[in-house]
Amino acid sequence: MRQRLEIFRHHFLAWSIPLALVVLNVAWLSAFGSGARLRAADLENRLERARDEHARETALLAEREKLWIAANENRSRTRALYEERFSTESARLTAAMREVKSLAARAGLEPRTISYPEERLEEFGLLRRSFVFNVEGTYTDLRTFLHLLELSSSFVSIDAIQVRERSPGALGVSLRLSTLFAAEADPASAASETGP
C-alpha cells in the first residue's frame, strides 16, 4: 500500500494538475450552471411580465376599438336622425300638420284653429315648430289622441296639456305639441357668407 502511495508522491505534478483542472471545471460548471439557472429564471419572469403587459394592451386596444365603433355608429345614427326624422321644415311641415289634424279627428277632437309658433335651437342646428290648439271632448277622446300620437311614426312631442271641465263628461283641452326640423340655411345669411 505504501508503495502505491509513493508513486503519487513522486509524480505529484502528474496527478495534481489534472485533479486541480477537474476541480476547477466542476466549480466553474456549478457556478455557470447556477448563473444560467438564475438568468433563465430572470428571462422567464421578464417573459411573463411581457405577456401580462401584452394582454393588458390587447384588452385596452379592444376596448378602444369598441368605443371607436360605437362613436362611428352614434355619428351615423345622429346623421340619419337629422336627415330622415328631422328633415327640413319645407320637406316635412305639411305632412306633420296633416298628421296632427288627422289623429285629432280620429280621436274625436276637432281643432278649430291651430297656431304654429316656431323657435330656433341654434346650438343644435334645429327648428322647433309647435302646434297649439284647443279642443273639446271626453277624457276617452283625449286618451285616444295621446295613444295615437305615441303610435305615430312621426316625431311629435307633447309639450303641454291643460284640461278644464266644461260640463259633466265634457272637457276643454289646450294642447301644445311640437316637432323638430333640421334648420335650413337662412337665404340672407347664405348670401352674406358667399359675398358680392
N, C-alpha and C. Protein backbone atom coordinates (compact mmCIF):
# COMPACT_ATOMS: atom_id res chain seq x y z
N MET A 1 0.81 -1.17 0.00
CA MET A 1 0.00 0.00 0.00
C MET A 1 0.86 1.25 0.00
N ARG A 2 1.93 1.20 0.80
CA ARG A 2 2.85 2.33 0.84
C ARG A 2 3.50 2.58 -0.49
N GLN A 3 3.77 1.53 -1.15
CA GLN A 3 4.42 1.66 -2.44
C GLN A 3 3.52 2.40 -3.42
N ARG A 4 2.28 2.13 -3.33
CA ARG A 4 1.35 2.81 -4.23
C ARG A 4 1.28 4.29 -3.89
N LEU A 5 1.31 4.59 -2.63
CA LEU A 5 1.26 6.00 -2.22
C LEU A 5 2.55 6.71 -2.59
N GLU A 6 3.64 6.02 -2.62
CA GLU A 6 4.92 6.61 -3.01
C GLU A 6 4.88 7.08 -4.45
N ILE A 7 4.22 6.32 -5.28
CA ILE A 7 4.14 6.69 -6.69
C ILE A 7 3.46 8.05 -6.80
N PHE A 8 2.42 8.23 -6.01
CA PHE A 8 1.70 9.50 -6.07
C PHE A 8 2.56 10.64 -5.57
N ARG A 9 3.42 10.34 -4.58
CA ARG A 9 4.28 11.40 -4.06
C ARG A 9 5.36 11.77 -5.04
N HIS A 10 5.93 10.79 -5.72
CA HIS A 10 6.99 11.10 -6.68
C HIS A 10 6.44 11.78 -7.92
N HIS A 11 5.29 11.45 -8.30
CA HIS A 11 4.70 12.02 -9.51
C HIS A 11 3.57 13.00 -9.12
N PHE A 12 3.87 13.84 -8.19
CA PHE A 12 2.88 14.79 -7.66
C PHE A 12 2.30 15.69 -8.75
N LEU A 13 3.12 16.21 -9.60
CA LEU A 13 2.66 17.11 -10.66
C LEU A 13 1.84 16.35 -11.71
N ALA A 14 2.12 15.11 -11.89
CA ALA A 14 1.43 14.34 -12.91
C ALA A 14 -0.04 14.15 -12.57
N TRP A 15 -0.35 13.99 -11.35
CA TRP A 15 -1.77 13.78 -10.99
C TRP A 15 -2.43 15.01 -10.39
N SER A 16 -1.64 15.91 -9.78
CA SER A 16 -2.24 17.07 -9.11
C SER A 16 -2.77 18.11 -10.12
N ILE A 17 -2.06 18.28 -11.20
CA ILE A 17 -2.52 19.26 -12.20
C ILE A 17 -3.84 18.83 -12.82
N PRO A 18 -3.97 17.56 -13.30
CA PRO A 18 -5.28 17.16 -13.84
C PRO A 18 -6.39 17.21 -12.78
N LEU A 19 -6.05 16.85 -11.53
CA LEU A 19 -7.05 16.91 -10.48
C LEU A 19 -7.49 18.35 -10.23
N ALA A 20 -6.55 19.26 -10.20
CA ALA A 20 -6.88 20.68 -10.00
C ALA A 20 -7.76 21.17 -11.14
N LEU A 21 -7.43 20.74 -12.37
CA LEU A 21 -8.24 21.15 -13.52
C LEU A 21 -9.66 20.59 -13.42
N VAL A 22 -9.79 19.35 -12.96
CA VAL A 22 -11.11 18.75 -12.80
C VAL A 22 -11.91 19.50 -11.74
N VAL A 23 -11.25 19.82 -10.61
CA VAL A 23 -11.92 20.54 -9.54
C VAL A 23 -12.35 21.93 -10.02
N LEU A 24 -11.44 22.61 -10.72
CA LEU A 24 -11.77 23.94 -11.26
C LEU A 24 -12.93 23.85 -12.26
N ASN A 25 -12.92 22.83 -13.11
CA ASN A 25 -14.02 22.67 -14.08
C ASN A 25 -15.35 22.39 -13.38
N VAL A 26 -15.31 21.57 -12.38
CA VAL A 26 -16.55 21.27 -11.63
C VAL A 26 -17.06 22.54 -10.97
N ALA A 27 -16.16 23.31 -10.34
CA ALA A 27 -16.57 24.57 -9.70
C ALA A 27 -17.12 25.55 -10.73
N TRP A 28 -16.40 25.65 -11.85
CA TRP A 28 -16.86 26.59 -12.90
C TRP A 28 -18.22 26.17 -13.45
N LEU A 29 -18.41 24.85 -13.71
CA LEU A 29 -19.69 24.36 -14.22
C LEU A 29 -20.83 24.57 -13.23
N SER A 30 -20.53 24.34 -11.94
CA SER A 30 -21.61 24.56 -10.96
C SER A 30 -21.94 26.04 -10.87
N ALA A 31 -20.93 26.89 -10.90
CA ALA A 31 -21.19 28.34 -10.86
C ALA A 31 -21.90 28.79 -12.13
N PHE A 32 -21.42 28.32 -13.26
CA PHE A 32 -22.05 28.70 -14.53
C PHE A 32 -23.48 28.16 -14.60
N GLY A 33 -23.67 26.92 -14.13
CA GLY A 33 -25.00 26.32 -14.15
C GLY A 33 -25.98 27.09 -13.27
N SER A 34 -25.56 27.49 -12.08
CA SER A 34 -26.47 28.25 -11.22
C SER A 34 -26.70 29.64 -11.81
N GLY A 35 -25.68 30.22 -12.40
CA GLY A 35 -25.87 31.51 -13.08
C GLY A 35 -26.81 31.39 -14.25
N ALA A 36 -26.68 30.31 -15.00
CA ALA A 36 -27.58 30.08 -16.13
C ALA A 36 -29.01 29.88 -15.64
N ARG A 37 -29.14 29.15 -14.51
CA ARG A 37 -30.48 28.97 -13.95
C ARG A 37 -31.06 30.30 -13.49
N LEU A 38 -30.22 31.13 -12.90
CA LEU A 38 -30.70 32.46 -12.47
C LEU A 38 -31.10 33.31 -13.68
N ARG A 39 -30.26 33.27 -14.70
CA ARG A 39 -30.59 34.03 -15.91
C ARG A 39 -31.86 33.50 -16.58
N ALA A 40 -32.03 32.17 -16.59
CA ALA A 40 -33.23 31.56 -17.18
C ALA A 40 -34.47 31.96 -16.37
N ALA A 41 -34.35 31.96 -15.04
CA ALA A 41 -35.48 32.37 -14.20
C ALA A 41 -35.82 33.83 -14.43
N ASP A 42 -34.76 34.67 -14.57
CA ASP A 42 -34.98 36.09 -14.82
C ASP A 42 -35.67 36.29 -16.18
N LEU A 43 -35.19 35.56 -17.19
CA LEU A 43 -35.80 35.65 -18.51
C LEU A 43 -37.25 35.17 -18.47
N GLU A 44 -37.51 34.13 -17.70
CA GLU A 44 -38.88 33.61 -17.57
C GLU A 44 -39.78 34.65 -16.91
N ASN A 45 -39.27 35.32 -15.88
CA ASN A 45 -40.04 36.38 -15.21
C ASN A 45 -40.31 37.54 -16.17
N ARG A 46 -39.28 37.94 -16.91
CA ARG A 46 -39.47 39.05 -17.85
C ARG A 46 -40.46 38.67 -18.95
N LEU A 47 -40.39 37.40 -19.41
CA LEU A 47 -41.32 36.93 -20.42
C LEU A 47 -42.75 36.95 -19.88
N GLU A 48 -42.93 36.52 -18.62
CA GLU A 48 -44.27 36.53 -18.01
C GLU A 48 -44.79 37.96 -17.88
N ARG A 49 -43.92 38.90 -17.47
CA ARG A 49 -44.34 40.30 -17.37
C ARG A 49 -44.69 40.86 -18.74
N ALA A 50 -43.91 40.48 -19.76
CA ALA A 50 -44.20 40.95 -21.12
C ALA A 50 -45.53 40.38 -21.61
N ARG A 51 -45.82 39.13 -21.26
CA ARG A 51 -47.10 38.54 -21.65
C ARG A 51 -48.26 39.26 -20.95
N ASP A 52 -48.09 39.55 -19.66
CA ASP A 52 -49.14 40.27 -18.93
C ASP A 52 -49.36 41.66 -19.53
N GLU A 53 -48.27 42.35 -19.83
CA GLU A 53 -48.36 43.69 -20.43
C GLU A 53 -49.05 43.62 -21.79
N HIS A 54 -48.70 42.59 -22.57
CA HIS A 54 -49.32 42.41 -23.88
C HIS A 54 -50.82 42.15 -23.74
N ALA A 55 -51.20 41.33 -22.74
CA ALA A 55 -52.63 41.05 -22.52
C ALA A 55 -53.37 42.32 -22.12
N ARG A 56 -52.76 43.16 -21.26
CA ARG A 56 -53.39 44.42 -20.86
C ARG A 56 -53.54 45.36 -22.05
N GLU A 57 -52.48 45.46 -22.84
CA GLU A 57 -52.53 46.36 -24.01
C GLU A 57 -53.55 45.86 -25.03
N THR A 58 -53.64 44.54 -25.20
CA THR A 58 -54.62 43.98 -26.13
C THR A 58 -56.04 44.27 -25.66
N ALA A 59 -56.28 44.12 -24.34
CA ALA A 59 -57.60 44.42 -23.80
C ALA A 59 -57.93 45.90 -23.96
N LEU A 60 -56.93 46.77 -23.70
CA LEU A 60 -57.14 48.21 -23.85
C LEU A 60 -57.43 48.56 -25.31
N LEU A 61 -56.70 47.95 -26.22
CA LEU A 61 -56.92 48.20 -27.65
C LEU A 61 -58.32 47.74 -28.06
N ALA A 62 -58.74 46.57 -27.57
CA ALA A 62 -60.08 46.07 -27.90
C ALA A 62 -61.15 47.03 -27.35
N GLU A 63 -60.94 47.55 -26.14
CA GLU A 63 -61.90 48.48 -25.56
C GLU A 63 -61.96 49.78 -26.37
N ARG A 64 -60.81 50.26 -26.80
CA ARG A 64 -60.79 51.48 -27.61
C ARG A 64 -61.42 51.26 -28.98
N GLU A 65 -61.21 50.08 -29.54
CA GLU A 65 -61.86 49.77 -30.82
C GLU A 65 -63.38 49.74 -30.67
N LYS A 66 -63.87 49.19 -29.54
CA LYS A 66 -65.31 49.18 -29.29
C LYS A 66 -65.84 50.61 -29.18
N LEU A 67 -65.10 51.46 -28.46
CA LEU A 67 -65.51 52.86 -28.33
C LEU A 67 -65.53 53.55 -29.68
N TRP A 68 -64.51 53.29 -30.50
CA TRP A 68 -64.43 53.90 -31.83
C TRP A 68 -65.61 53.45 -32.68
N ILE A 69 -65.94 52.16 -32.63
CA ILE A 69 -67.07 51.64 -33.40
C ILE A 69 -68.37 52.26 -32.91
N ALA A 70 -68.52 52.35 -31.57
CA ALA A 70 -69.74 52.95 -31.01
C ALA A 70 -69.85 54.42 -31.40
N ALA A 71 -68.72 55.15 -31.39
CA ALA A 71 -68.75 56.57 -31.77
C ALA A 71 -69.14 56.73 -33.23
N ASN A 72 -68.59 55.89 -34.11
CA ASN A 72 -68.97 55.96 -35.53
C ASN A 72 -70.44 55.61 -35.72
N GLU A 73 -70.90 54.62 -34.98
CA GLU A 73 -72.32 54.24 -35.08
C GLU A 73 -73.22 55.38 -34.60
N ASN A 74 -72.82 56.03 -33.50
CA ASN A 74 -73.61 57.16 -33.00
C ASN A 74 -73.62 58.31 -33.99
N ARG A 75 -72.47 58.57 -34.63
CA ARG A 75 -72.42 59.64 -35.64
C ARG A 75 -73.36 59.33 -36.80
N SER A 76 -73.34 58.09 -37.26
CA SER A 76 -74.20 57.75 -38.40
C SER A 76 -75.67 57.78 -38.00
N ARG A 77 -75.99 57.37 -36.77
CA ARG A 77 -77.38 57.43 -36.32
C ARG A 77 -77.84 58.88 -36.16
N THR A 78 -76.95 59.73 -35.63
CA THR A 78 -77.31 61.14 -35.49
C THR A 78 -77.54 61.76 -36.86
N ARG A 79 -76.66 61.44 -37.81
CA ARG A 79 -76.82 61.96 -39.17
C ARG A 79 -78.14 61.48 -39.77
N ALA A 80 -78.46 60.19 -39.57
CA ALA A 80 -79.73 59.65 -40.08
C ALA A 80 -80.92 60.32 -39.39
N LEU A 81 -80.80 60.58 -38.09
CA LEU A 81 -81.89 61.25 -37.36
C LEU A 81 -82.14 62.64 -37.94
N TYR A 82 -81.06 63.39 -38.18
CA TYR A 82 -81.21 64.73 -38.73
C TYR A 82 -81.75 64.68 -40.16
N GLU A 83 -81.27 63.73 -40.96
CA GLU A 83 -81.67 63.70 -42.37
C GLU A 83 -83.05 63.09 -42.58
N GLU A 84 -83.41 62.07 -41.80
CA GLU A 84 -84.68 61.38 -42.04
C GLU A 84 -85.79 61.87 -41.12
N ARG A 85 -85.57 61.84 -39.82
CA ARG A 85 -86.62 62.22 -38.88
C ARG A 85 -86.78 63.73 -38.75
N PHE A 86 -85.66 64.45 -38.70
CA PHE A 86 -85.72 65.91 -38.54
C PHE A 86 -85.50 66.60 -39.87
N SER A 87 -85.86 65.97 -40.96
CA SER A 87 -85.58 66.60 -42.25
C SER A 87 -86.06 68.04 -42.24
N THR A 88 -85.74 68.76 -43.27
CA THR A 88 -86.03 70.20 -43.27
C THR A 88 -87.52 70.48 -43.17
N GLU A 89 -87.82 71.66 -42.68
CA GLU A 89 -89.21 72.06 -42.49
C GLU A 89 -89.98 72.04 -43.80
N SER A 90 -89.35 72.54 -44.87
CA SER A 90 -90.04 72.57 -46.15
C SER A 90 -90.39 71.17 -46.65
N ALA A 91 -89.59 70.18 -46.25
CA ALA A 91 -89.84 68.81 -46.71
C ALA A 91 -90.88 68.09 -45.87
N ARG A 92 -91.13 68.55 -44.61
CA ARG A 92 -91.95 67.74 -43.73
C ARG A 92 -93.09 68.47 -43.02
N LEU A 93 -93.13 69.78 -43.06
CA LEU A 93 -94.10 70.53 -42.26
C LEU A 93 -95.54 70.19 -42.63
N THR A 94 -95.86 70.20 -43.90
CA THR A 94 -97.24 69.95 -44.32
C THR A 94 -97.70 68.57 -43.87
N ALA A 95 -96.83 67.57 -44.01
CA ALA A 95 -97.19 66.21 -43.60
C ALA A 95 -97.40 66.14 -42.09
N ALA A 96 -96.58 66.84 -41.32
CA ALA A 96 -96.72 66.83 -39.86
C ALA A 96 -98.02 67.50 -39.45
N MET A 97 -98.36 68.64 -40.08
CA MET A 97 -99.61 69.34 -39.76
C MET A 97 -100.80 68.45 -40.10
N ARG A 98 -100.75 67.82 -41.26
CA ARG A 98 -101.84 66.96 -41.69
C ARG A 98 -102.00 65.79 -40.73
N GLU A 99 -100.89 65.21 -40.28
CA GLU A 99 -100.97 64.06 -39.38
C GLU A 99 -101.56 64.45 -38.03
N VAL A 100 -101.16 65.59 -37.45
CA VAL A 100 -101.70 66.03 -36.16
C VAL A 100 -103.21 66.24 -36.28
N LYS A 101 -103.65 66.92 -37.35
CA LYS A 101 -105.09 67.15 -37.54
C LYS A 101 -105.82 65.82 -37.73
N SER A 102 -105.25 64.91 -38.50
CA SER A 102 -105.89 63.62 -38.77
C SER A 102 -106.02 62.79 -37.49
N LEU A 103 -104.96 62.75 -36.67
CA LEU A 103 -105.02 61.99 -35.43
C LEU A 103 -106.04 62.58 -34.46
N ALA A 104 -106.10 63.92 -34.41
CA ALA A 104 -107.09 64.57 -33.53
C ALA A 104 -108.51 64.22 -34.01
N ALA A 105 -108.72 64.25 -35.32
CA ALA A 105 -110.04 63.93 -35.86
C ALA A 105 -110.41 62.47 -35.59
N ARG A 106 -109.46 61.56 -35.74
CA ARG A 106 -109.72 60.14 -35.47
C ARG A 106 -110.09 59.91 -34.01
N ALA A 107 -109.53 60.73 -33.11
CA ALA A 107 -109.82 60.57 -31.69
C ALA A 107 -111.10 61.29 -31.29
N GLY A 108 -111.71 62.02 -32.22
CA GLY A 108 -112.95 62.74 -31.90
C GLY A 108 -112.70 64.14 -31.36
N LEU A 109 -111.51 64.65 -31.55
CA LEU A 109 -111.16 66.00 -31.11
C LEU A 109 -110.91 66.85 -32.35
N GLU A 110 -111.81 67.75 -32.67
CA GLU A 110 -111.68 68.58 -33.87
C GLU A 110 -111.12 69.95 -33.49
N PRO A 111 -109.85 70.22 -33.81
CA PRO A 111 -109.33 71.56 -33.52
C PRO A 111 -109.93 72.57 -34.51
N ARG A 112 -110.39 73.68 -33.96
CA ARG A 112 -110.98 74.71 -34.83
C ARG A 112 -109.87 75.58 -35.42
N THR A 113 -108.95 76.02 -34.58
CA THR A 113 -107.82 76.82 -35.07
C THR A 113 -106.54 76.26 -34.47
N ILE A 114 -105.51 76.34 -35.26
CA ILE A 114 -104.20 75.89 -34.80
C ILE A 114 -103.21 77.00 -35.09
N SER A 115 -102.38 77.32 -34.09
CA SER A 115 -101.28 78.26 -34.35
C SER A 115 -99.99 77.46 -34.40
N TYR A 116 -99.00 78.01 -35.13
CA TYR A 116 -97.76 77.29 -35.39
C TYR A 116 -96.54 78.13 -35.00
N PRO A 117 -96.32 78.44 -33.72
CA PRO A 117 -95.13 79.20 -33.36
C PRO A 117 -93.86 78.38 -33.60
N GLU A 118 -92.78 79.08 -33.85
CA GLU A 118 -91.52 78.38 -34.07
C GLU A 118 -90.43 78.95 -33.17
N GLU A 119 -89.42 78.12 -32.92
CA GLU A 119 -88.29 78.51 -32.08
C GLU A 119 -87.03 77.88 -32.67
N ARG A 120 -86.01 78.71 -32.86
CA ARG A 120 -84.74 78.20 -33.40
C ARG A 120 -83.86 77.70 -32.26
N LEU A 121 -83.34 76.51 -32.41
CA LEU A 121 -82.38 75.93 -31.47
C LEU A 121 -81.02 75.93 -32.16
N GLU A 122 -80.40 77.10 -32.19
CA GLU A 122 -79.17 77.31 -32.97
C GLU A 122 -78.05 76.34 -32.58
N GLU A 123 -77.91 76.09 -31.26
CA GLU A 123 -76.78 75.25 -30.82
C GLU A 123 -76.88 73.82 -31.33
N PHE A 124 -78.10 73.39 -31.72
CA PHE A 124 -78.28 72.03 -32.25
C PHE A 124 -78.56 72.03 -33.75
N GLY A 125 -78.69 73.20 -34.35
CA GLY A 125 -79.00 73.27 -35.77
C GLY A 125 -80.41 72.79 -36.06
N LEU A 126 -81.34 73.06 -35.12
CA LEU A 126 -82.71 72.58 -35.27
C LEU A 126 -83.70 73.74 -35.17
N LEU A 127 -84.90 73.48 -35.65
CA LEU A 127 -86.01 74.41 -35.56
C LEU A 127 -87.17 73.65 -34.91
N ARG A 128 -87.71 74.21 -33.81
CA ARG A 128 -88.86 73.57 -33.15
C ARG A 128 -90.13 74.27 -33.64
N ARG A 129 -91.03 73.52 -34.26
CA ARG A 129 -92.30 74.05 -34.71
C ARG A 129 -93.38 73.46 -33.80
N SER A 130 -94.17 74.33 -33.19
CA SER A 130 -95.21 73.89 -32.27
C SER A 130 -96.57 73.91 -32.95
N PHE A 131 -97.48 73.10 -32.43
CA PHE A 131 -98.87 73.06 -32.86
C PHE A 131 -99.69 73.35 -31.60
N VAL A 132 -100.29 74.53 -31.52
CA VAL A 132 -101.05 74.94 -30.34
C VAL A 132 -102.51 75.04 -30.73
N PHE A 133 -103.37 74.29 -30.02
CA PHE A 133 -104.80 74.32 -30.35
C PHE A 133 -105.63 73.92 -29.13
N ASN A 134 -106.90 74.30 -29.19
CA ASN A 134 -107.88 73.96 -28.16
C ASN A 134 -108.93 73.05 -28.77
N VAL A 135 -109.37 72.06 -28.01
CA VAL A 135 -110.42 71.14 -28.47
C VAL A 135 -111.37 70.86 -27.32
N GLU A 136 -112.50 70.31 -27.67
CA GLU A 136 -113.46 69.86 -26.66
C GLU A 136 -113.75 68.40 -26.92
N GLY A 137 -113.84 67.64 -25.83
CA GLY A 137 -114.12 66.22 -25.97
C GLY A 137 -114.15 65.56 -24.60
N THR A 138 -114.19 64.24 -24.63
CA THR A 138 -114.23 63.49 -23.38
C THR A 138 -112.81 63.06 -22.99
N TYR A 139 -112.71 62.54 -21.78
CA TYR A 139 -111.42 62.03 -21.32
C TYR A 139 -110.96 60.87 -22.21
N THR A 140 -111.90 60.05 -22.62
CA THR A 140 -111.58 58.92 -23.51
C THR A 140 -111.03 59.42 -24.85
N ASP A 141 -111.62 60.50 -25.38
CA ASP A 141 -111.13 61.07 -26.65
C ASP A 141 -109.68 61.55 -26.48
N LEU A 142 -109.41 62.21 -25.36
CA LEU A 142 -108.05 62.71 -25.10
C LEU A 142 -107.06 61.56 -24.99
N ARG A 143 -107.42 60.52 -24.26
CA ARG A 143 -106.54 59.35 -24.14
C ARG A 143 -106.29 58.70 -25.48
N THR A 144 -107.35 58.60 -26.31
CA THR A 144 -107.20 58.01 -27.64
C THR A 144 -106.24 58.83 -28.48
N PHE A 145 -106.37 60.16 -28.44
CA PHE A 145 -105.49 61.04 -29.21
C PHE A 145 -104.03 60.87 -28.77
N LEU A 146 -103.81 60.85 -27.45
CA LEU A 146 -102.44 60.69 -26.95
C LEU A 146 -101.87 59.33 -27.33
N HIS A 147 -102.69 58.30 -27.30
CA HIS A 147 -102.24 56.97 -27.71
C HIS A 147 -101.89 56.94 -29.20
N LEU A 148 -102.70 57.58 -30.02
CA LEU A 148 -102.41 57.64 -31.46
C LEU A 148 -101.11 58.40 -31.72
N LEU A 149 -100.86 59.45 -30.95
CA LEU A 149 -99.59 60.18 -31.09
C LEU A 149 -98.40 59.29 -30.75
N GLU A 150 -98.54 58.48 -29.71
CA GLU A 150 -97.45 57.57 -29.33
C GLU A 150 -97.19 56.54 -30.41
N LEU A 151 -98.25 56.08 -31.07
CA LEU A 151 -98.09 55.07 -32.12
C LEU A 151 -97.59 55.65 -33.44
N SER A 152 -97.67 56.95 -33.57
CA SER A 152 -97.29 57.59 -34.83
C SER A 152 -95.80 57.42 -35.11
N SER A 153 -95.46 57.27 -36.37
CA SER A 153 -94.05 57.18 -36.75
C SER A 153 -93.40 58.56 -36.84
N SER A 154 -94.20 59.60 -36.80
CA SER A 154 -93.66 60.96 -36.83
C SER A 154 -93.10 61.32 -35.47
N PHE A 155 -92.12 62.21 -35.49
CA PHE A 155 -91.52 62.67 -34.25
C PHE A 155 -92.30 63.90 -33.78
N VAL A 156 -93.30 63.67 -32.92
CA VAL A 156 -94.12 64.75 -32.36
C VAL A 156 -94.12 64.56 -30.86
N SER A 157 -93.74 65.61 -30.12
CA SER A 157 -93.74 65.51 -28.66
C SER A 157 -94.86 66.36 -28.08
N ILE A 158 -95.31 65.97 -26.91
CA ILE A 158 -96.35 66.71 -26.20
C ILE A 158 -95.65 67.62 -25.20
N ASP A 159 -95.77 68.94 -25.41
CA ASP A 159 -95.10 69.90 -24.53
C ASP A 159 -95.98 70.31 -23.36
N ALA A 160 -97.28 70.48 -23.59
CA ALA A 160 -98.17 70.93 -22.51
C ALA A 160 -99.59 70.50 -22.80
N ILE A 161 -100.30 70.14 -21.71
CA ILE A 161 -101.73 69.82 -21.78
C ILE A 161 -102.40 70.53 -20.62
N GLN A 162 -103.44 71.27 -20.91
CA GLN A 162 -104.27 71.89 -19.87
C GLN A 162 -105.70 71.39 -20.07
N VAL A 163 -106.26 70.86 -18.99
CA VAL A 163 -107.60 70.29 -19.07
C VAL A 163 -108.53 71.06 -18.13
N ARG A 164 -109.70 71.44 -18.67
CA ARG A 164 -110.74 72.11 -17.87
C ARG A 164 -112.04 71.37 -18.09
N GLU A 165 -112.84 71.29 -17.06
CA GLU A 165 -114.14 70.64 -17.21
C GLU A 165 -115.14 71.69 -17.72
N ARG A 166 -115.74 71.42 -18.86
CA ARG A 166 -116.73 72.32 -19.46
C ARG A 166 -118.12 72.04 -18.91
N SER A 167 -118.46 70.78 -18.96
CA SER A 167 -119.74 70.31 -18.45
C SER A 167 -119.54 68.87 -18.02
N PRO A 168 -120.47 68.28 -17.32
CA PRO A 168 -120.27 66.89 -16.90
C PRO A 168 -119.98 65.98 -18.10
N GLY A 169 -118.79 65.36 -18.08
CA GLY A 169 -118.40 64.46 -19.15
C GLY A 169 -117.70 65.14 -20.31
N ALA A 170 -117.69 66.46 -20.39
CA ALA A 170 -117.04 67.16 -21.50
C ALA A 170 -115.88 67.99 -20.93
N LEU A 171 -114.77 67.92 -21.64
CA LEU A 171 -113.57 68.63 -21.22
C LEU A 171 -113.16 69.65 -22.26
N GLY A 172 -112.59 70.75 -21.80
CA GLY A 172 -111.91 71.69 -22.69
C GLY A 172 -110.42 71.43 -22.56
N VAL A 173 -109.75 71.16 -23.65
CA VAL A 173 -108.35 70.76 -23.61
C VAL A 173 -107.53 71.73 -24.45
N SER A 174 -106.45 72.26 -23.84
CA SER A 174 -105.48 73.08 -24.58
C SER A 174 -104.23 72.24 -24.74
N LEU A 175 -103.78 72.08 -25.97
CA LEU A 175 -102.62 71.24 -26.26
C LEU A 175 -101.52 72.07 -26.93
N ARG A 176 -100.30 71.71 -26.56
CA ARG A 176 -99.14 72.27 -27.26
C ARG A 176 -98.25 71.08 -27.62
N LEU A 177 -98.18 70.78 -28.91
CA LEU A 177 -97.34 69.72 -29.43
C LEU A 177 -96.20 70.37 -30.20
N SER A 178 -95.12 69.65 -30.38
CA SER A 178 -94.05 70.22 -31.19
C SER A 178 -93.30 69.11 -31.91
N THR A 179 -92.63 69.53 -32.95
CA THR A 179 -91.76 68.63 -33.69
C THR A 179 -90.51 69.40 -34.06
N LEU A 180 -89.46 68.69 -34.38
CA LEU A 180 -88.18 69.31 -34.70
C LEU A 180 -87.86 69.12 -36.17
N PHE A 181 -87.23 70.14 -36.73
CA PHE A 181 -86.78 70.09 -38.13
C PHE A 181 -85.30 70.47 -38.16
N ALA A 182 -84.60 69.94 -39.12
CA ALA A 182 -83.23 70.41 -39.35
C ALA A 182 -83.34 71.83 -39.89
N ALA A 183 -82.59 72.74 -39.28
CA ALA A 183 -82.67 74.15 -39.69
C ALA A 183 -82.10 74.31 -41.09
N GLU A 184 -82.85 74.99 -41.92
CA GLU A 184 -82.37 75.28 -43.26
C GLU A 184 -81.51 76.53 -43.19
N ALA A 185 -80.57 76.65 -44.12
CA ALA A 185 -79.73 77.85 -44.16
C ALA A 185 -80.59 79.05 -44.48
N ASP A 186 -80.41 80.10 -43.73
CA ASP A 186 -81.14 81.35 -43.95
C ASP A 186 -80.64 81.96 -45.25
N PRO A 187 -81.53 82.25 -46.22
CA PRO A 187 -81.06 82.79 -47.50
C PRO A 187 -80.25 84.07 -47.34
N ALA A 188 -80.62 84.94 -46.40
CA ALA A 188 -79.89 86.20 -46.21
C ALA A 188 -78.48 85.93 -45.70
N SER A 189 -78.36 84.99 -44.71
CA SER A 189 -77.02 84.69 -44.17
C SER A 189 -76.20 83.94 -45.20
N ALA A 190 -76.84 83.08 -46.00
CA ALA A 190 -76.11 82.34 -47.02
C ALA A 190 -75.55 83.30 -48.07
N ALA A 191 -76.34 84.35 -48.42
CA ALA A 191 -75.88 85.34 -49.40
C ALA A 191 -74.73 86.16 -48.82
N SER A 192 -74.80 86.51 -47.53
CA SER A 192 -73.74 87.31 -46.94
C SER A 192 -72.44 86.50 -46.80
N GLU A 193 -72.56 85.14 -46.59
CA GLU A 193 -71.38 84.31 -46.49
C GLU A 193 -70.67 84.18 -47.82
N THR A 194 -71.44 84.12 -48.91
CA THR A 194 -70.83 83.96 -50.23
C THR A 194 -70.20 85.27 -50.70
N GLY A 195 -70.74 86.40 -50.22
CA GLY A 195 -70.16 87.70 -50.58
C GLY A 195 -70.69 88.20 -51.91
N PRO A 196 -70.29 89.43 -52.30
CA PRO A 196 -70.78 90.02 -53.57
C PRO A 196 -70.15 89.37 -54.78
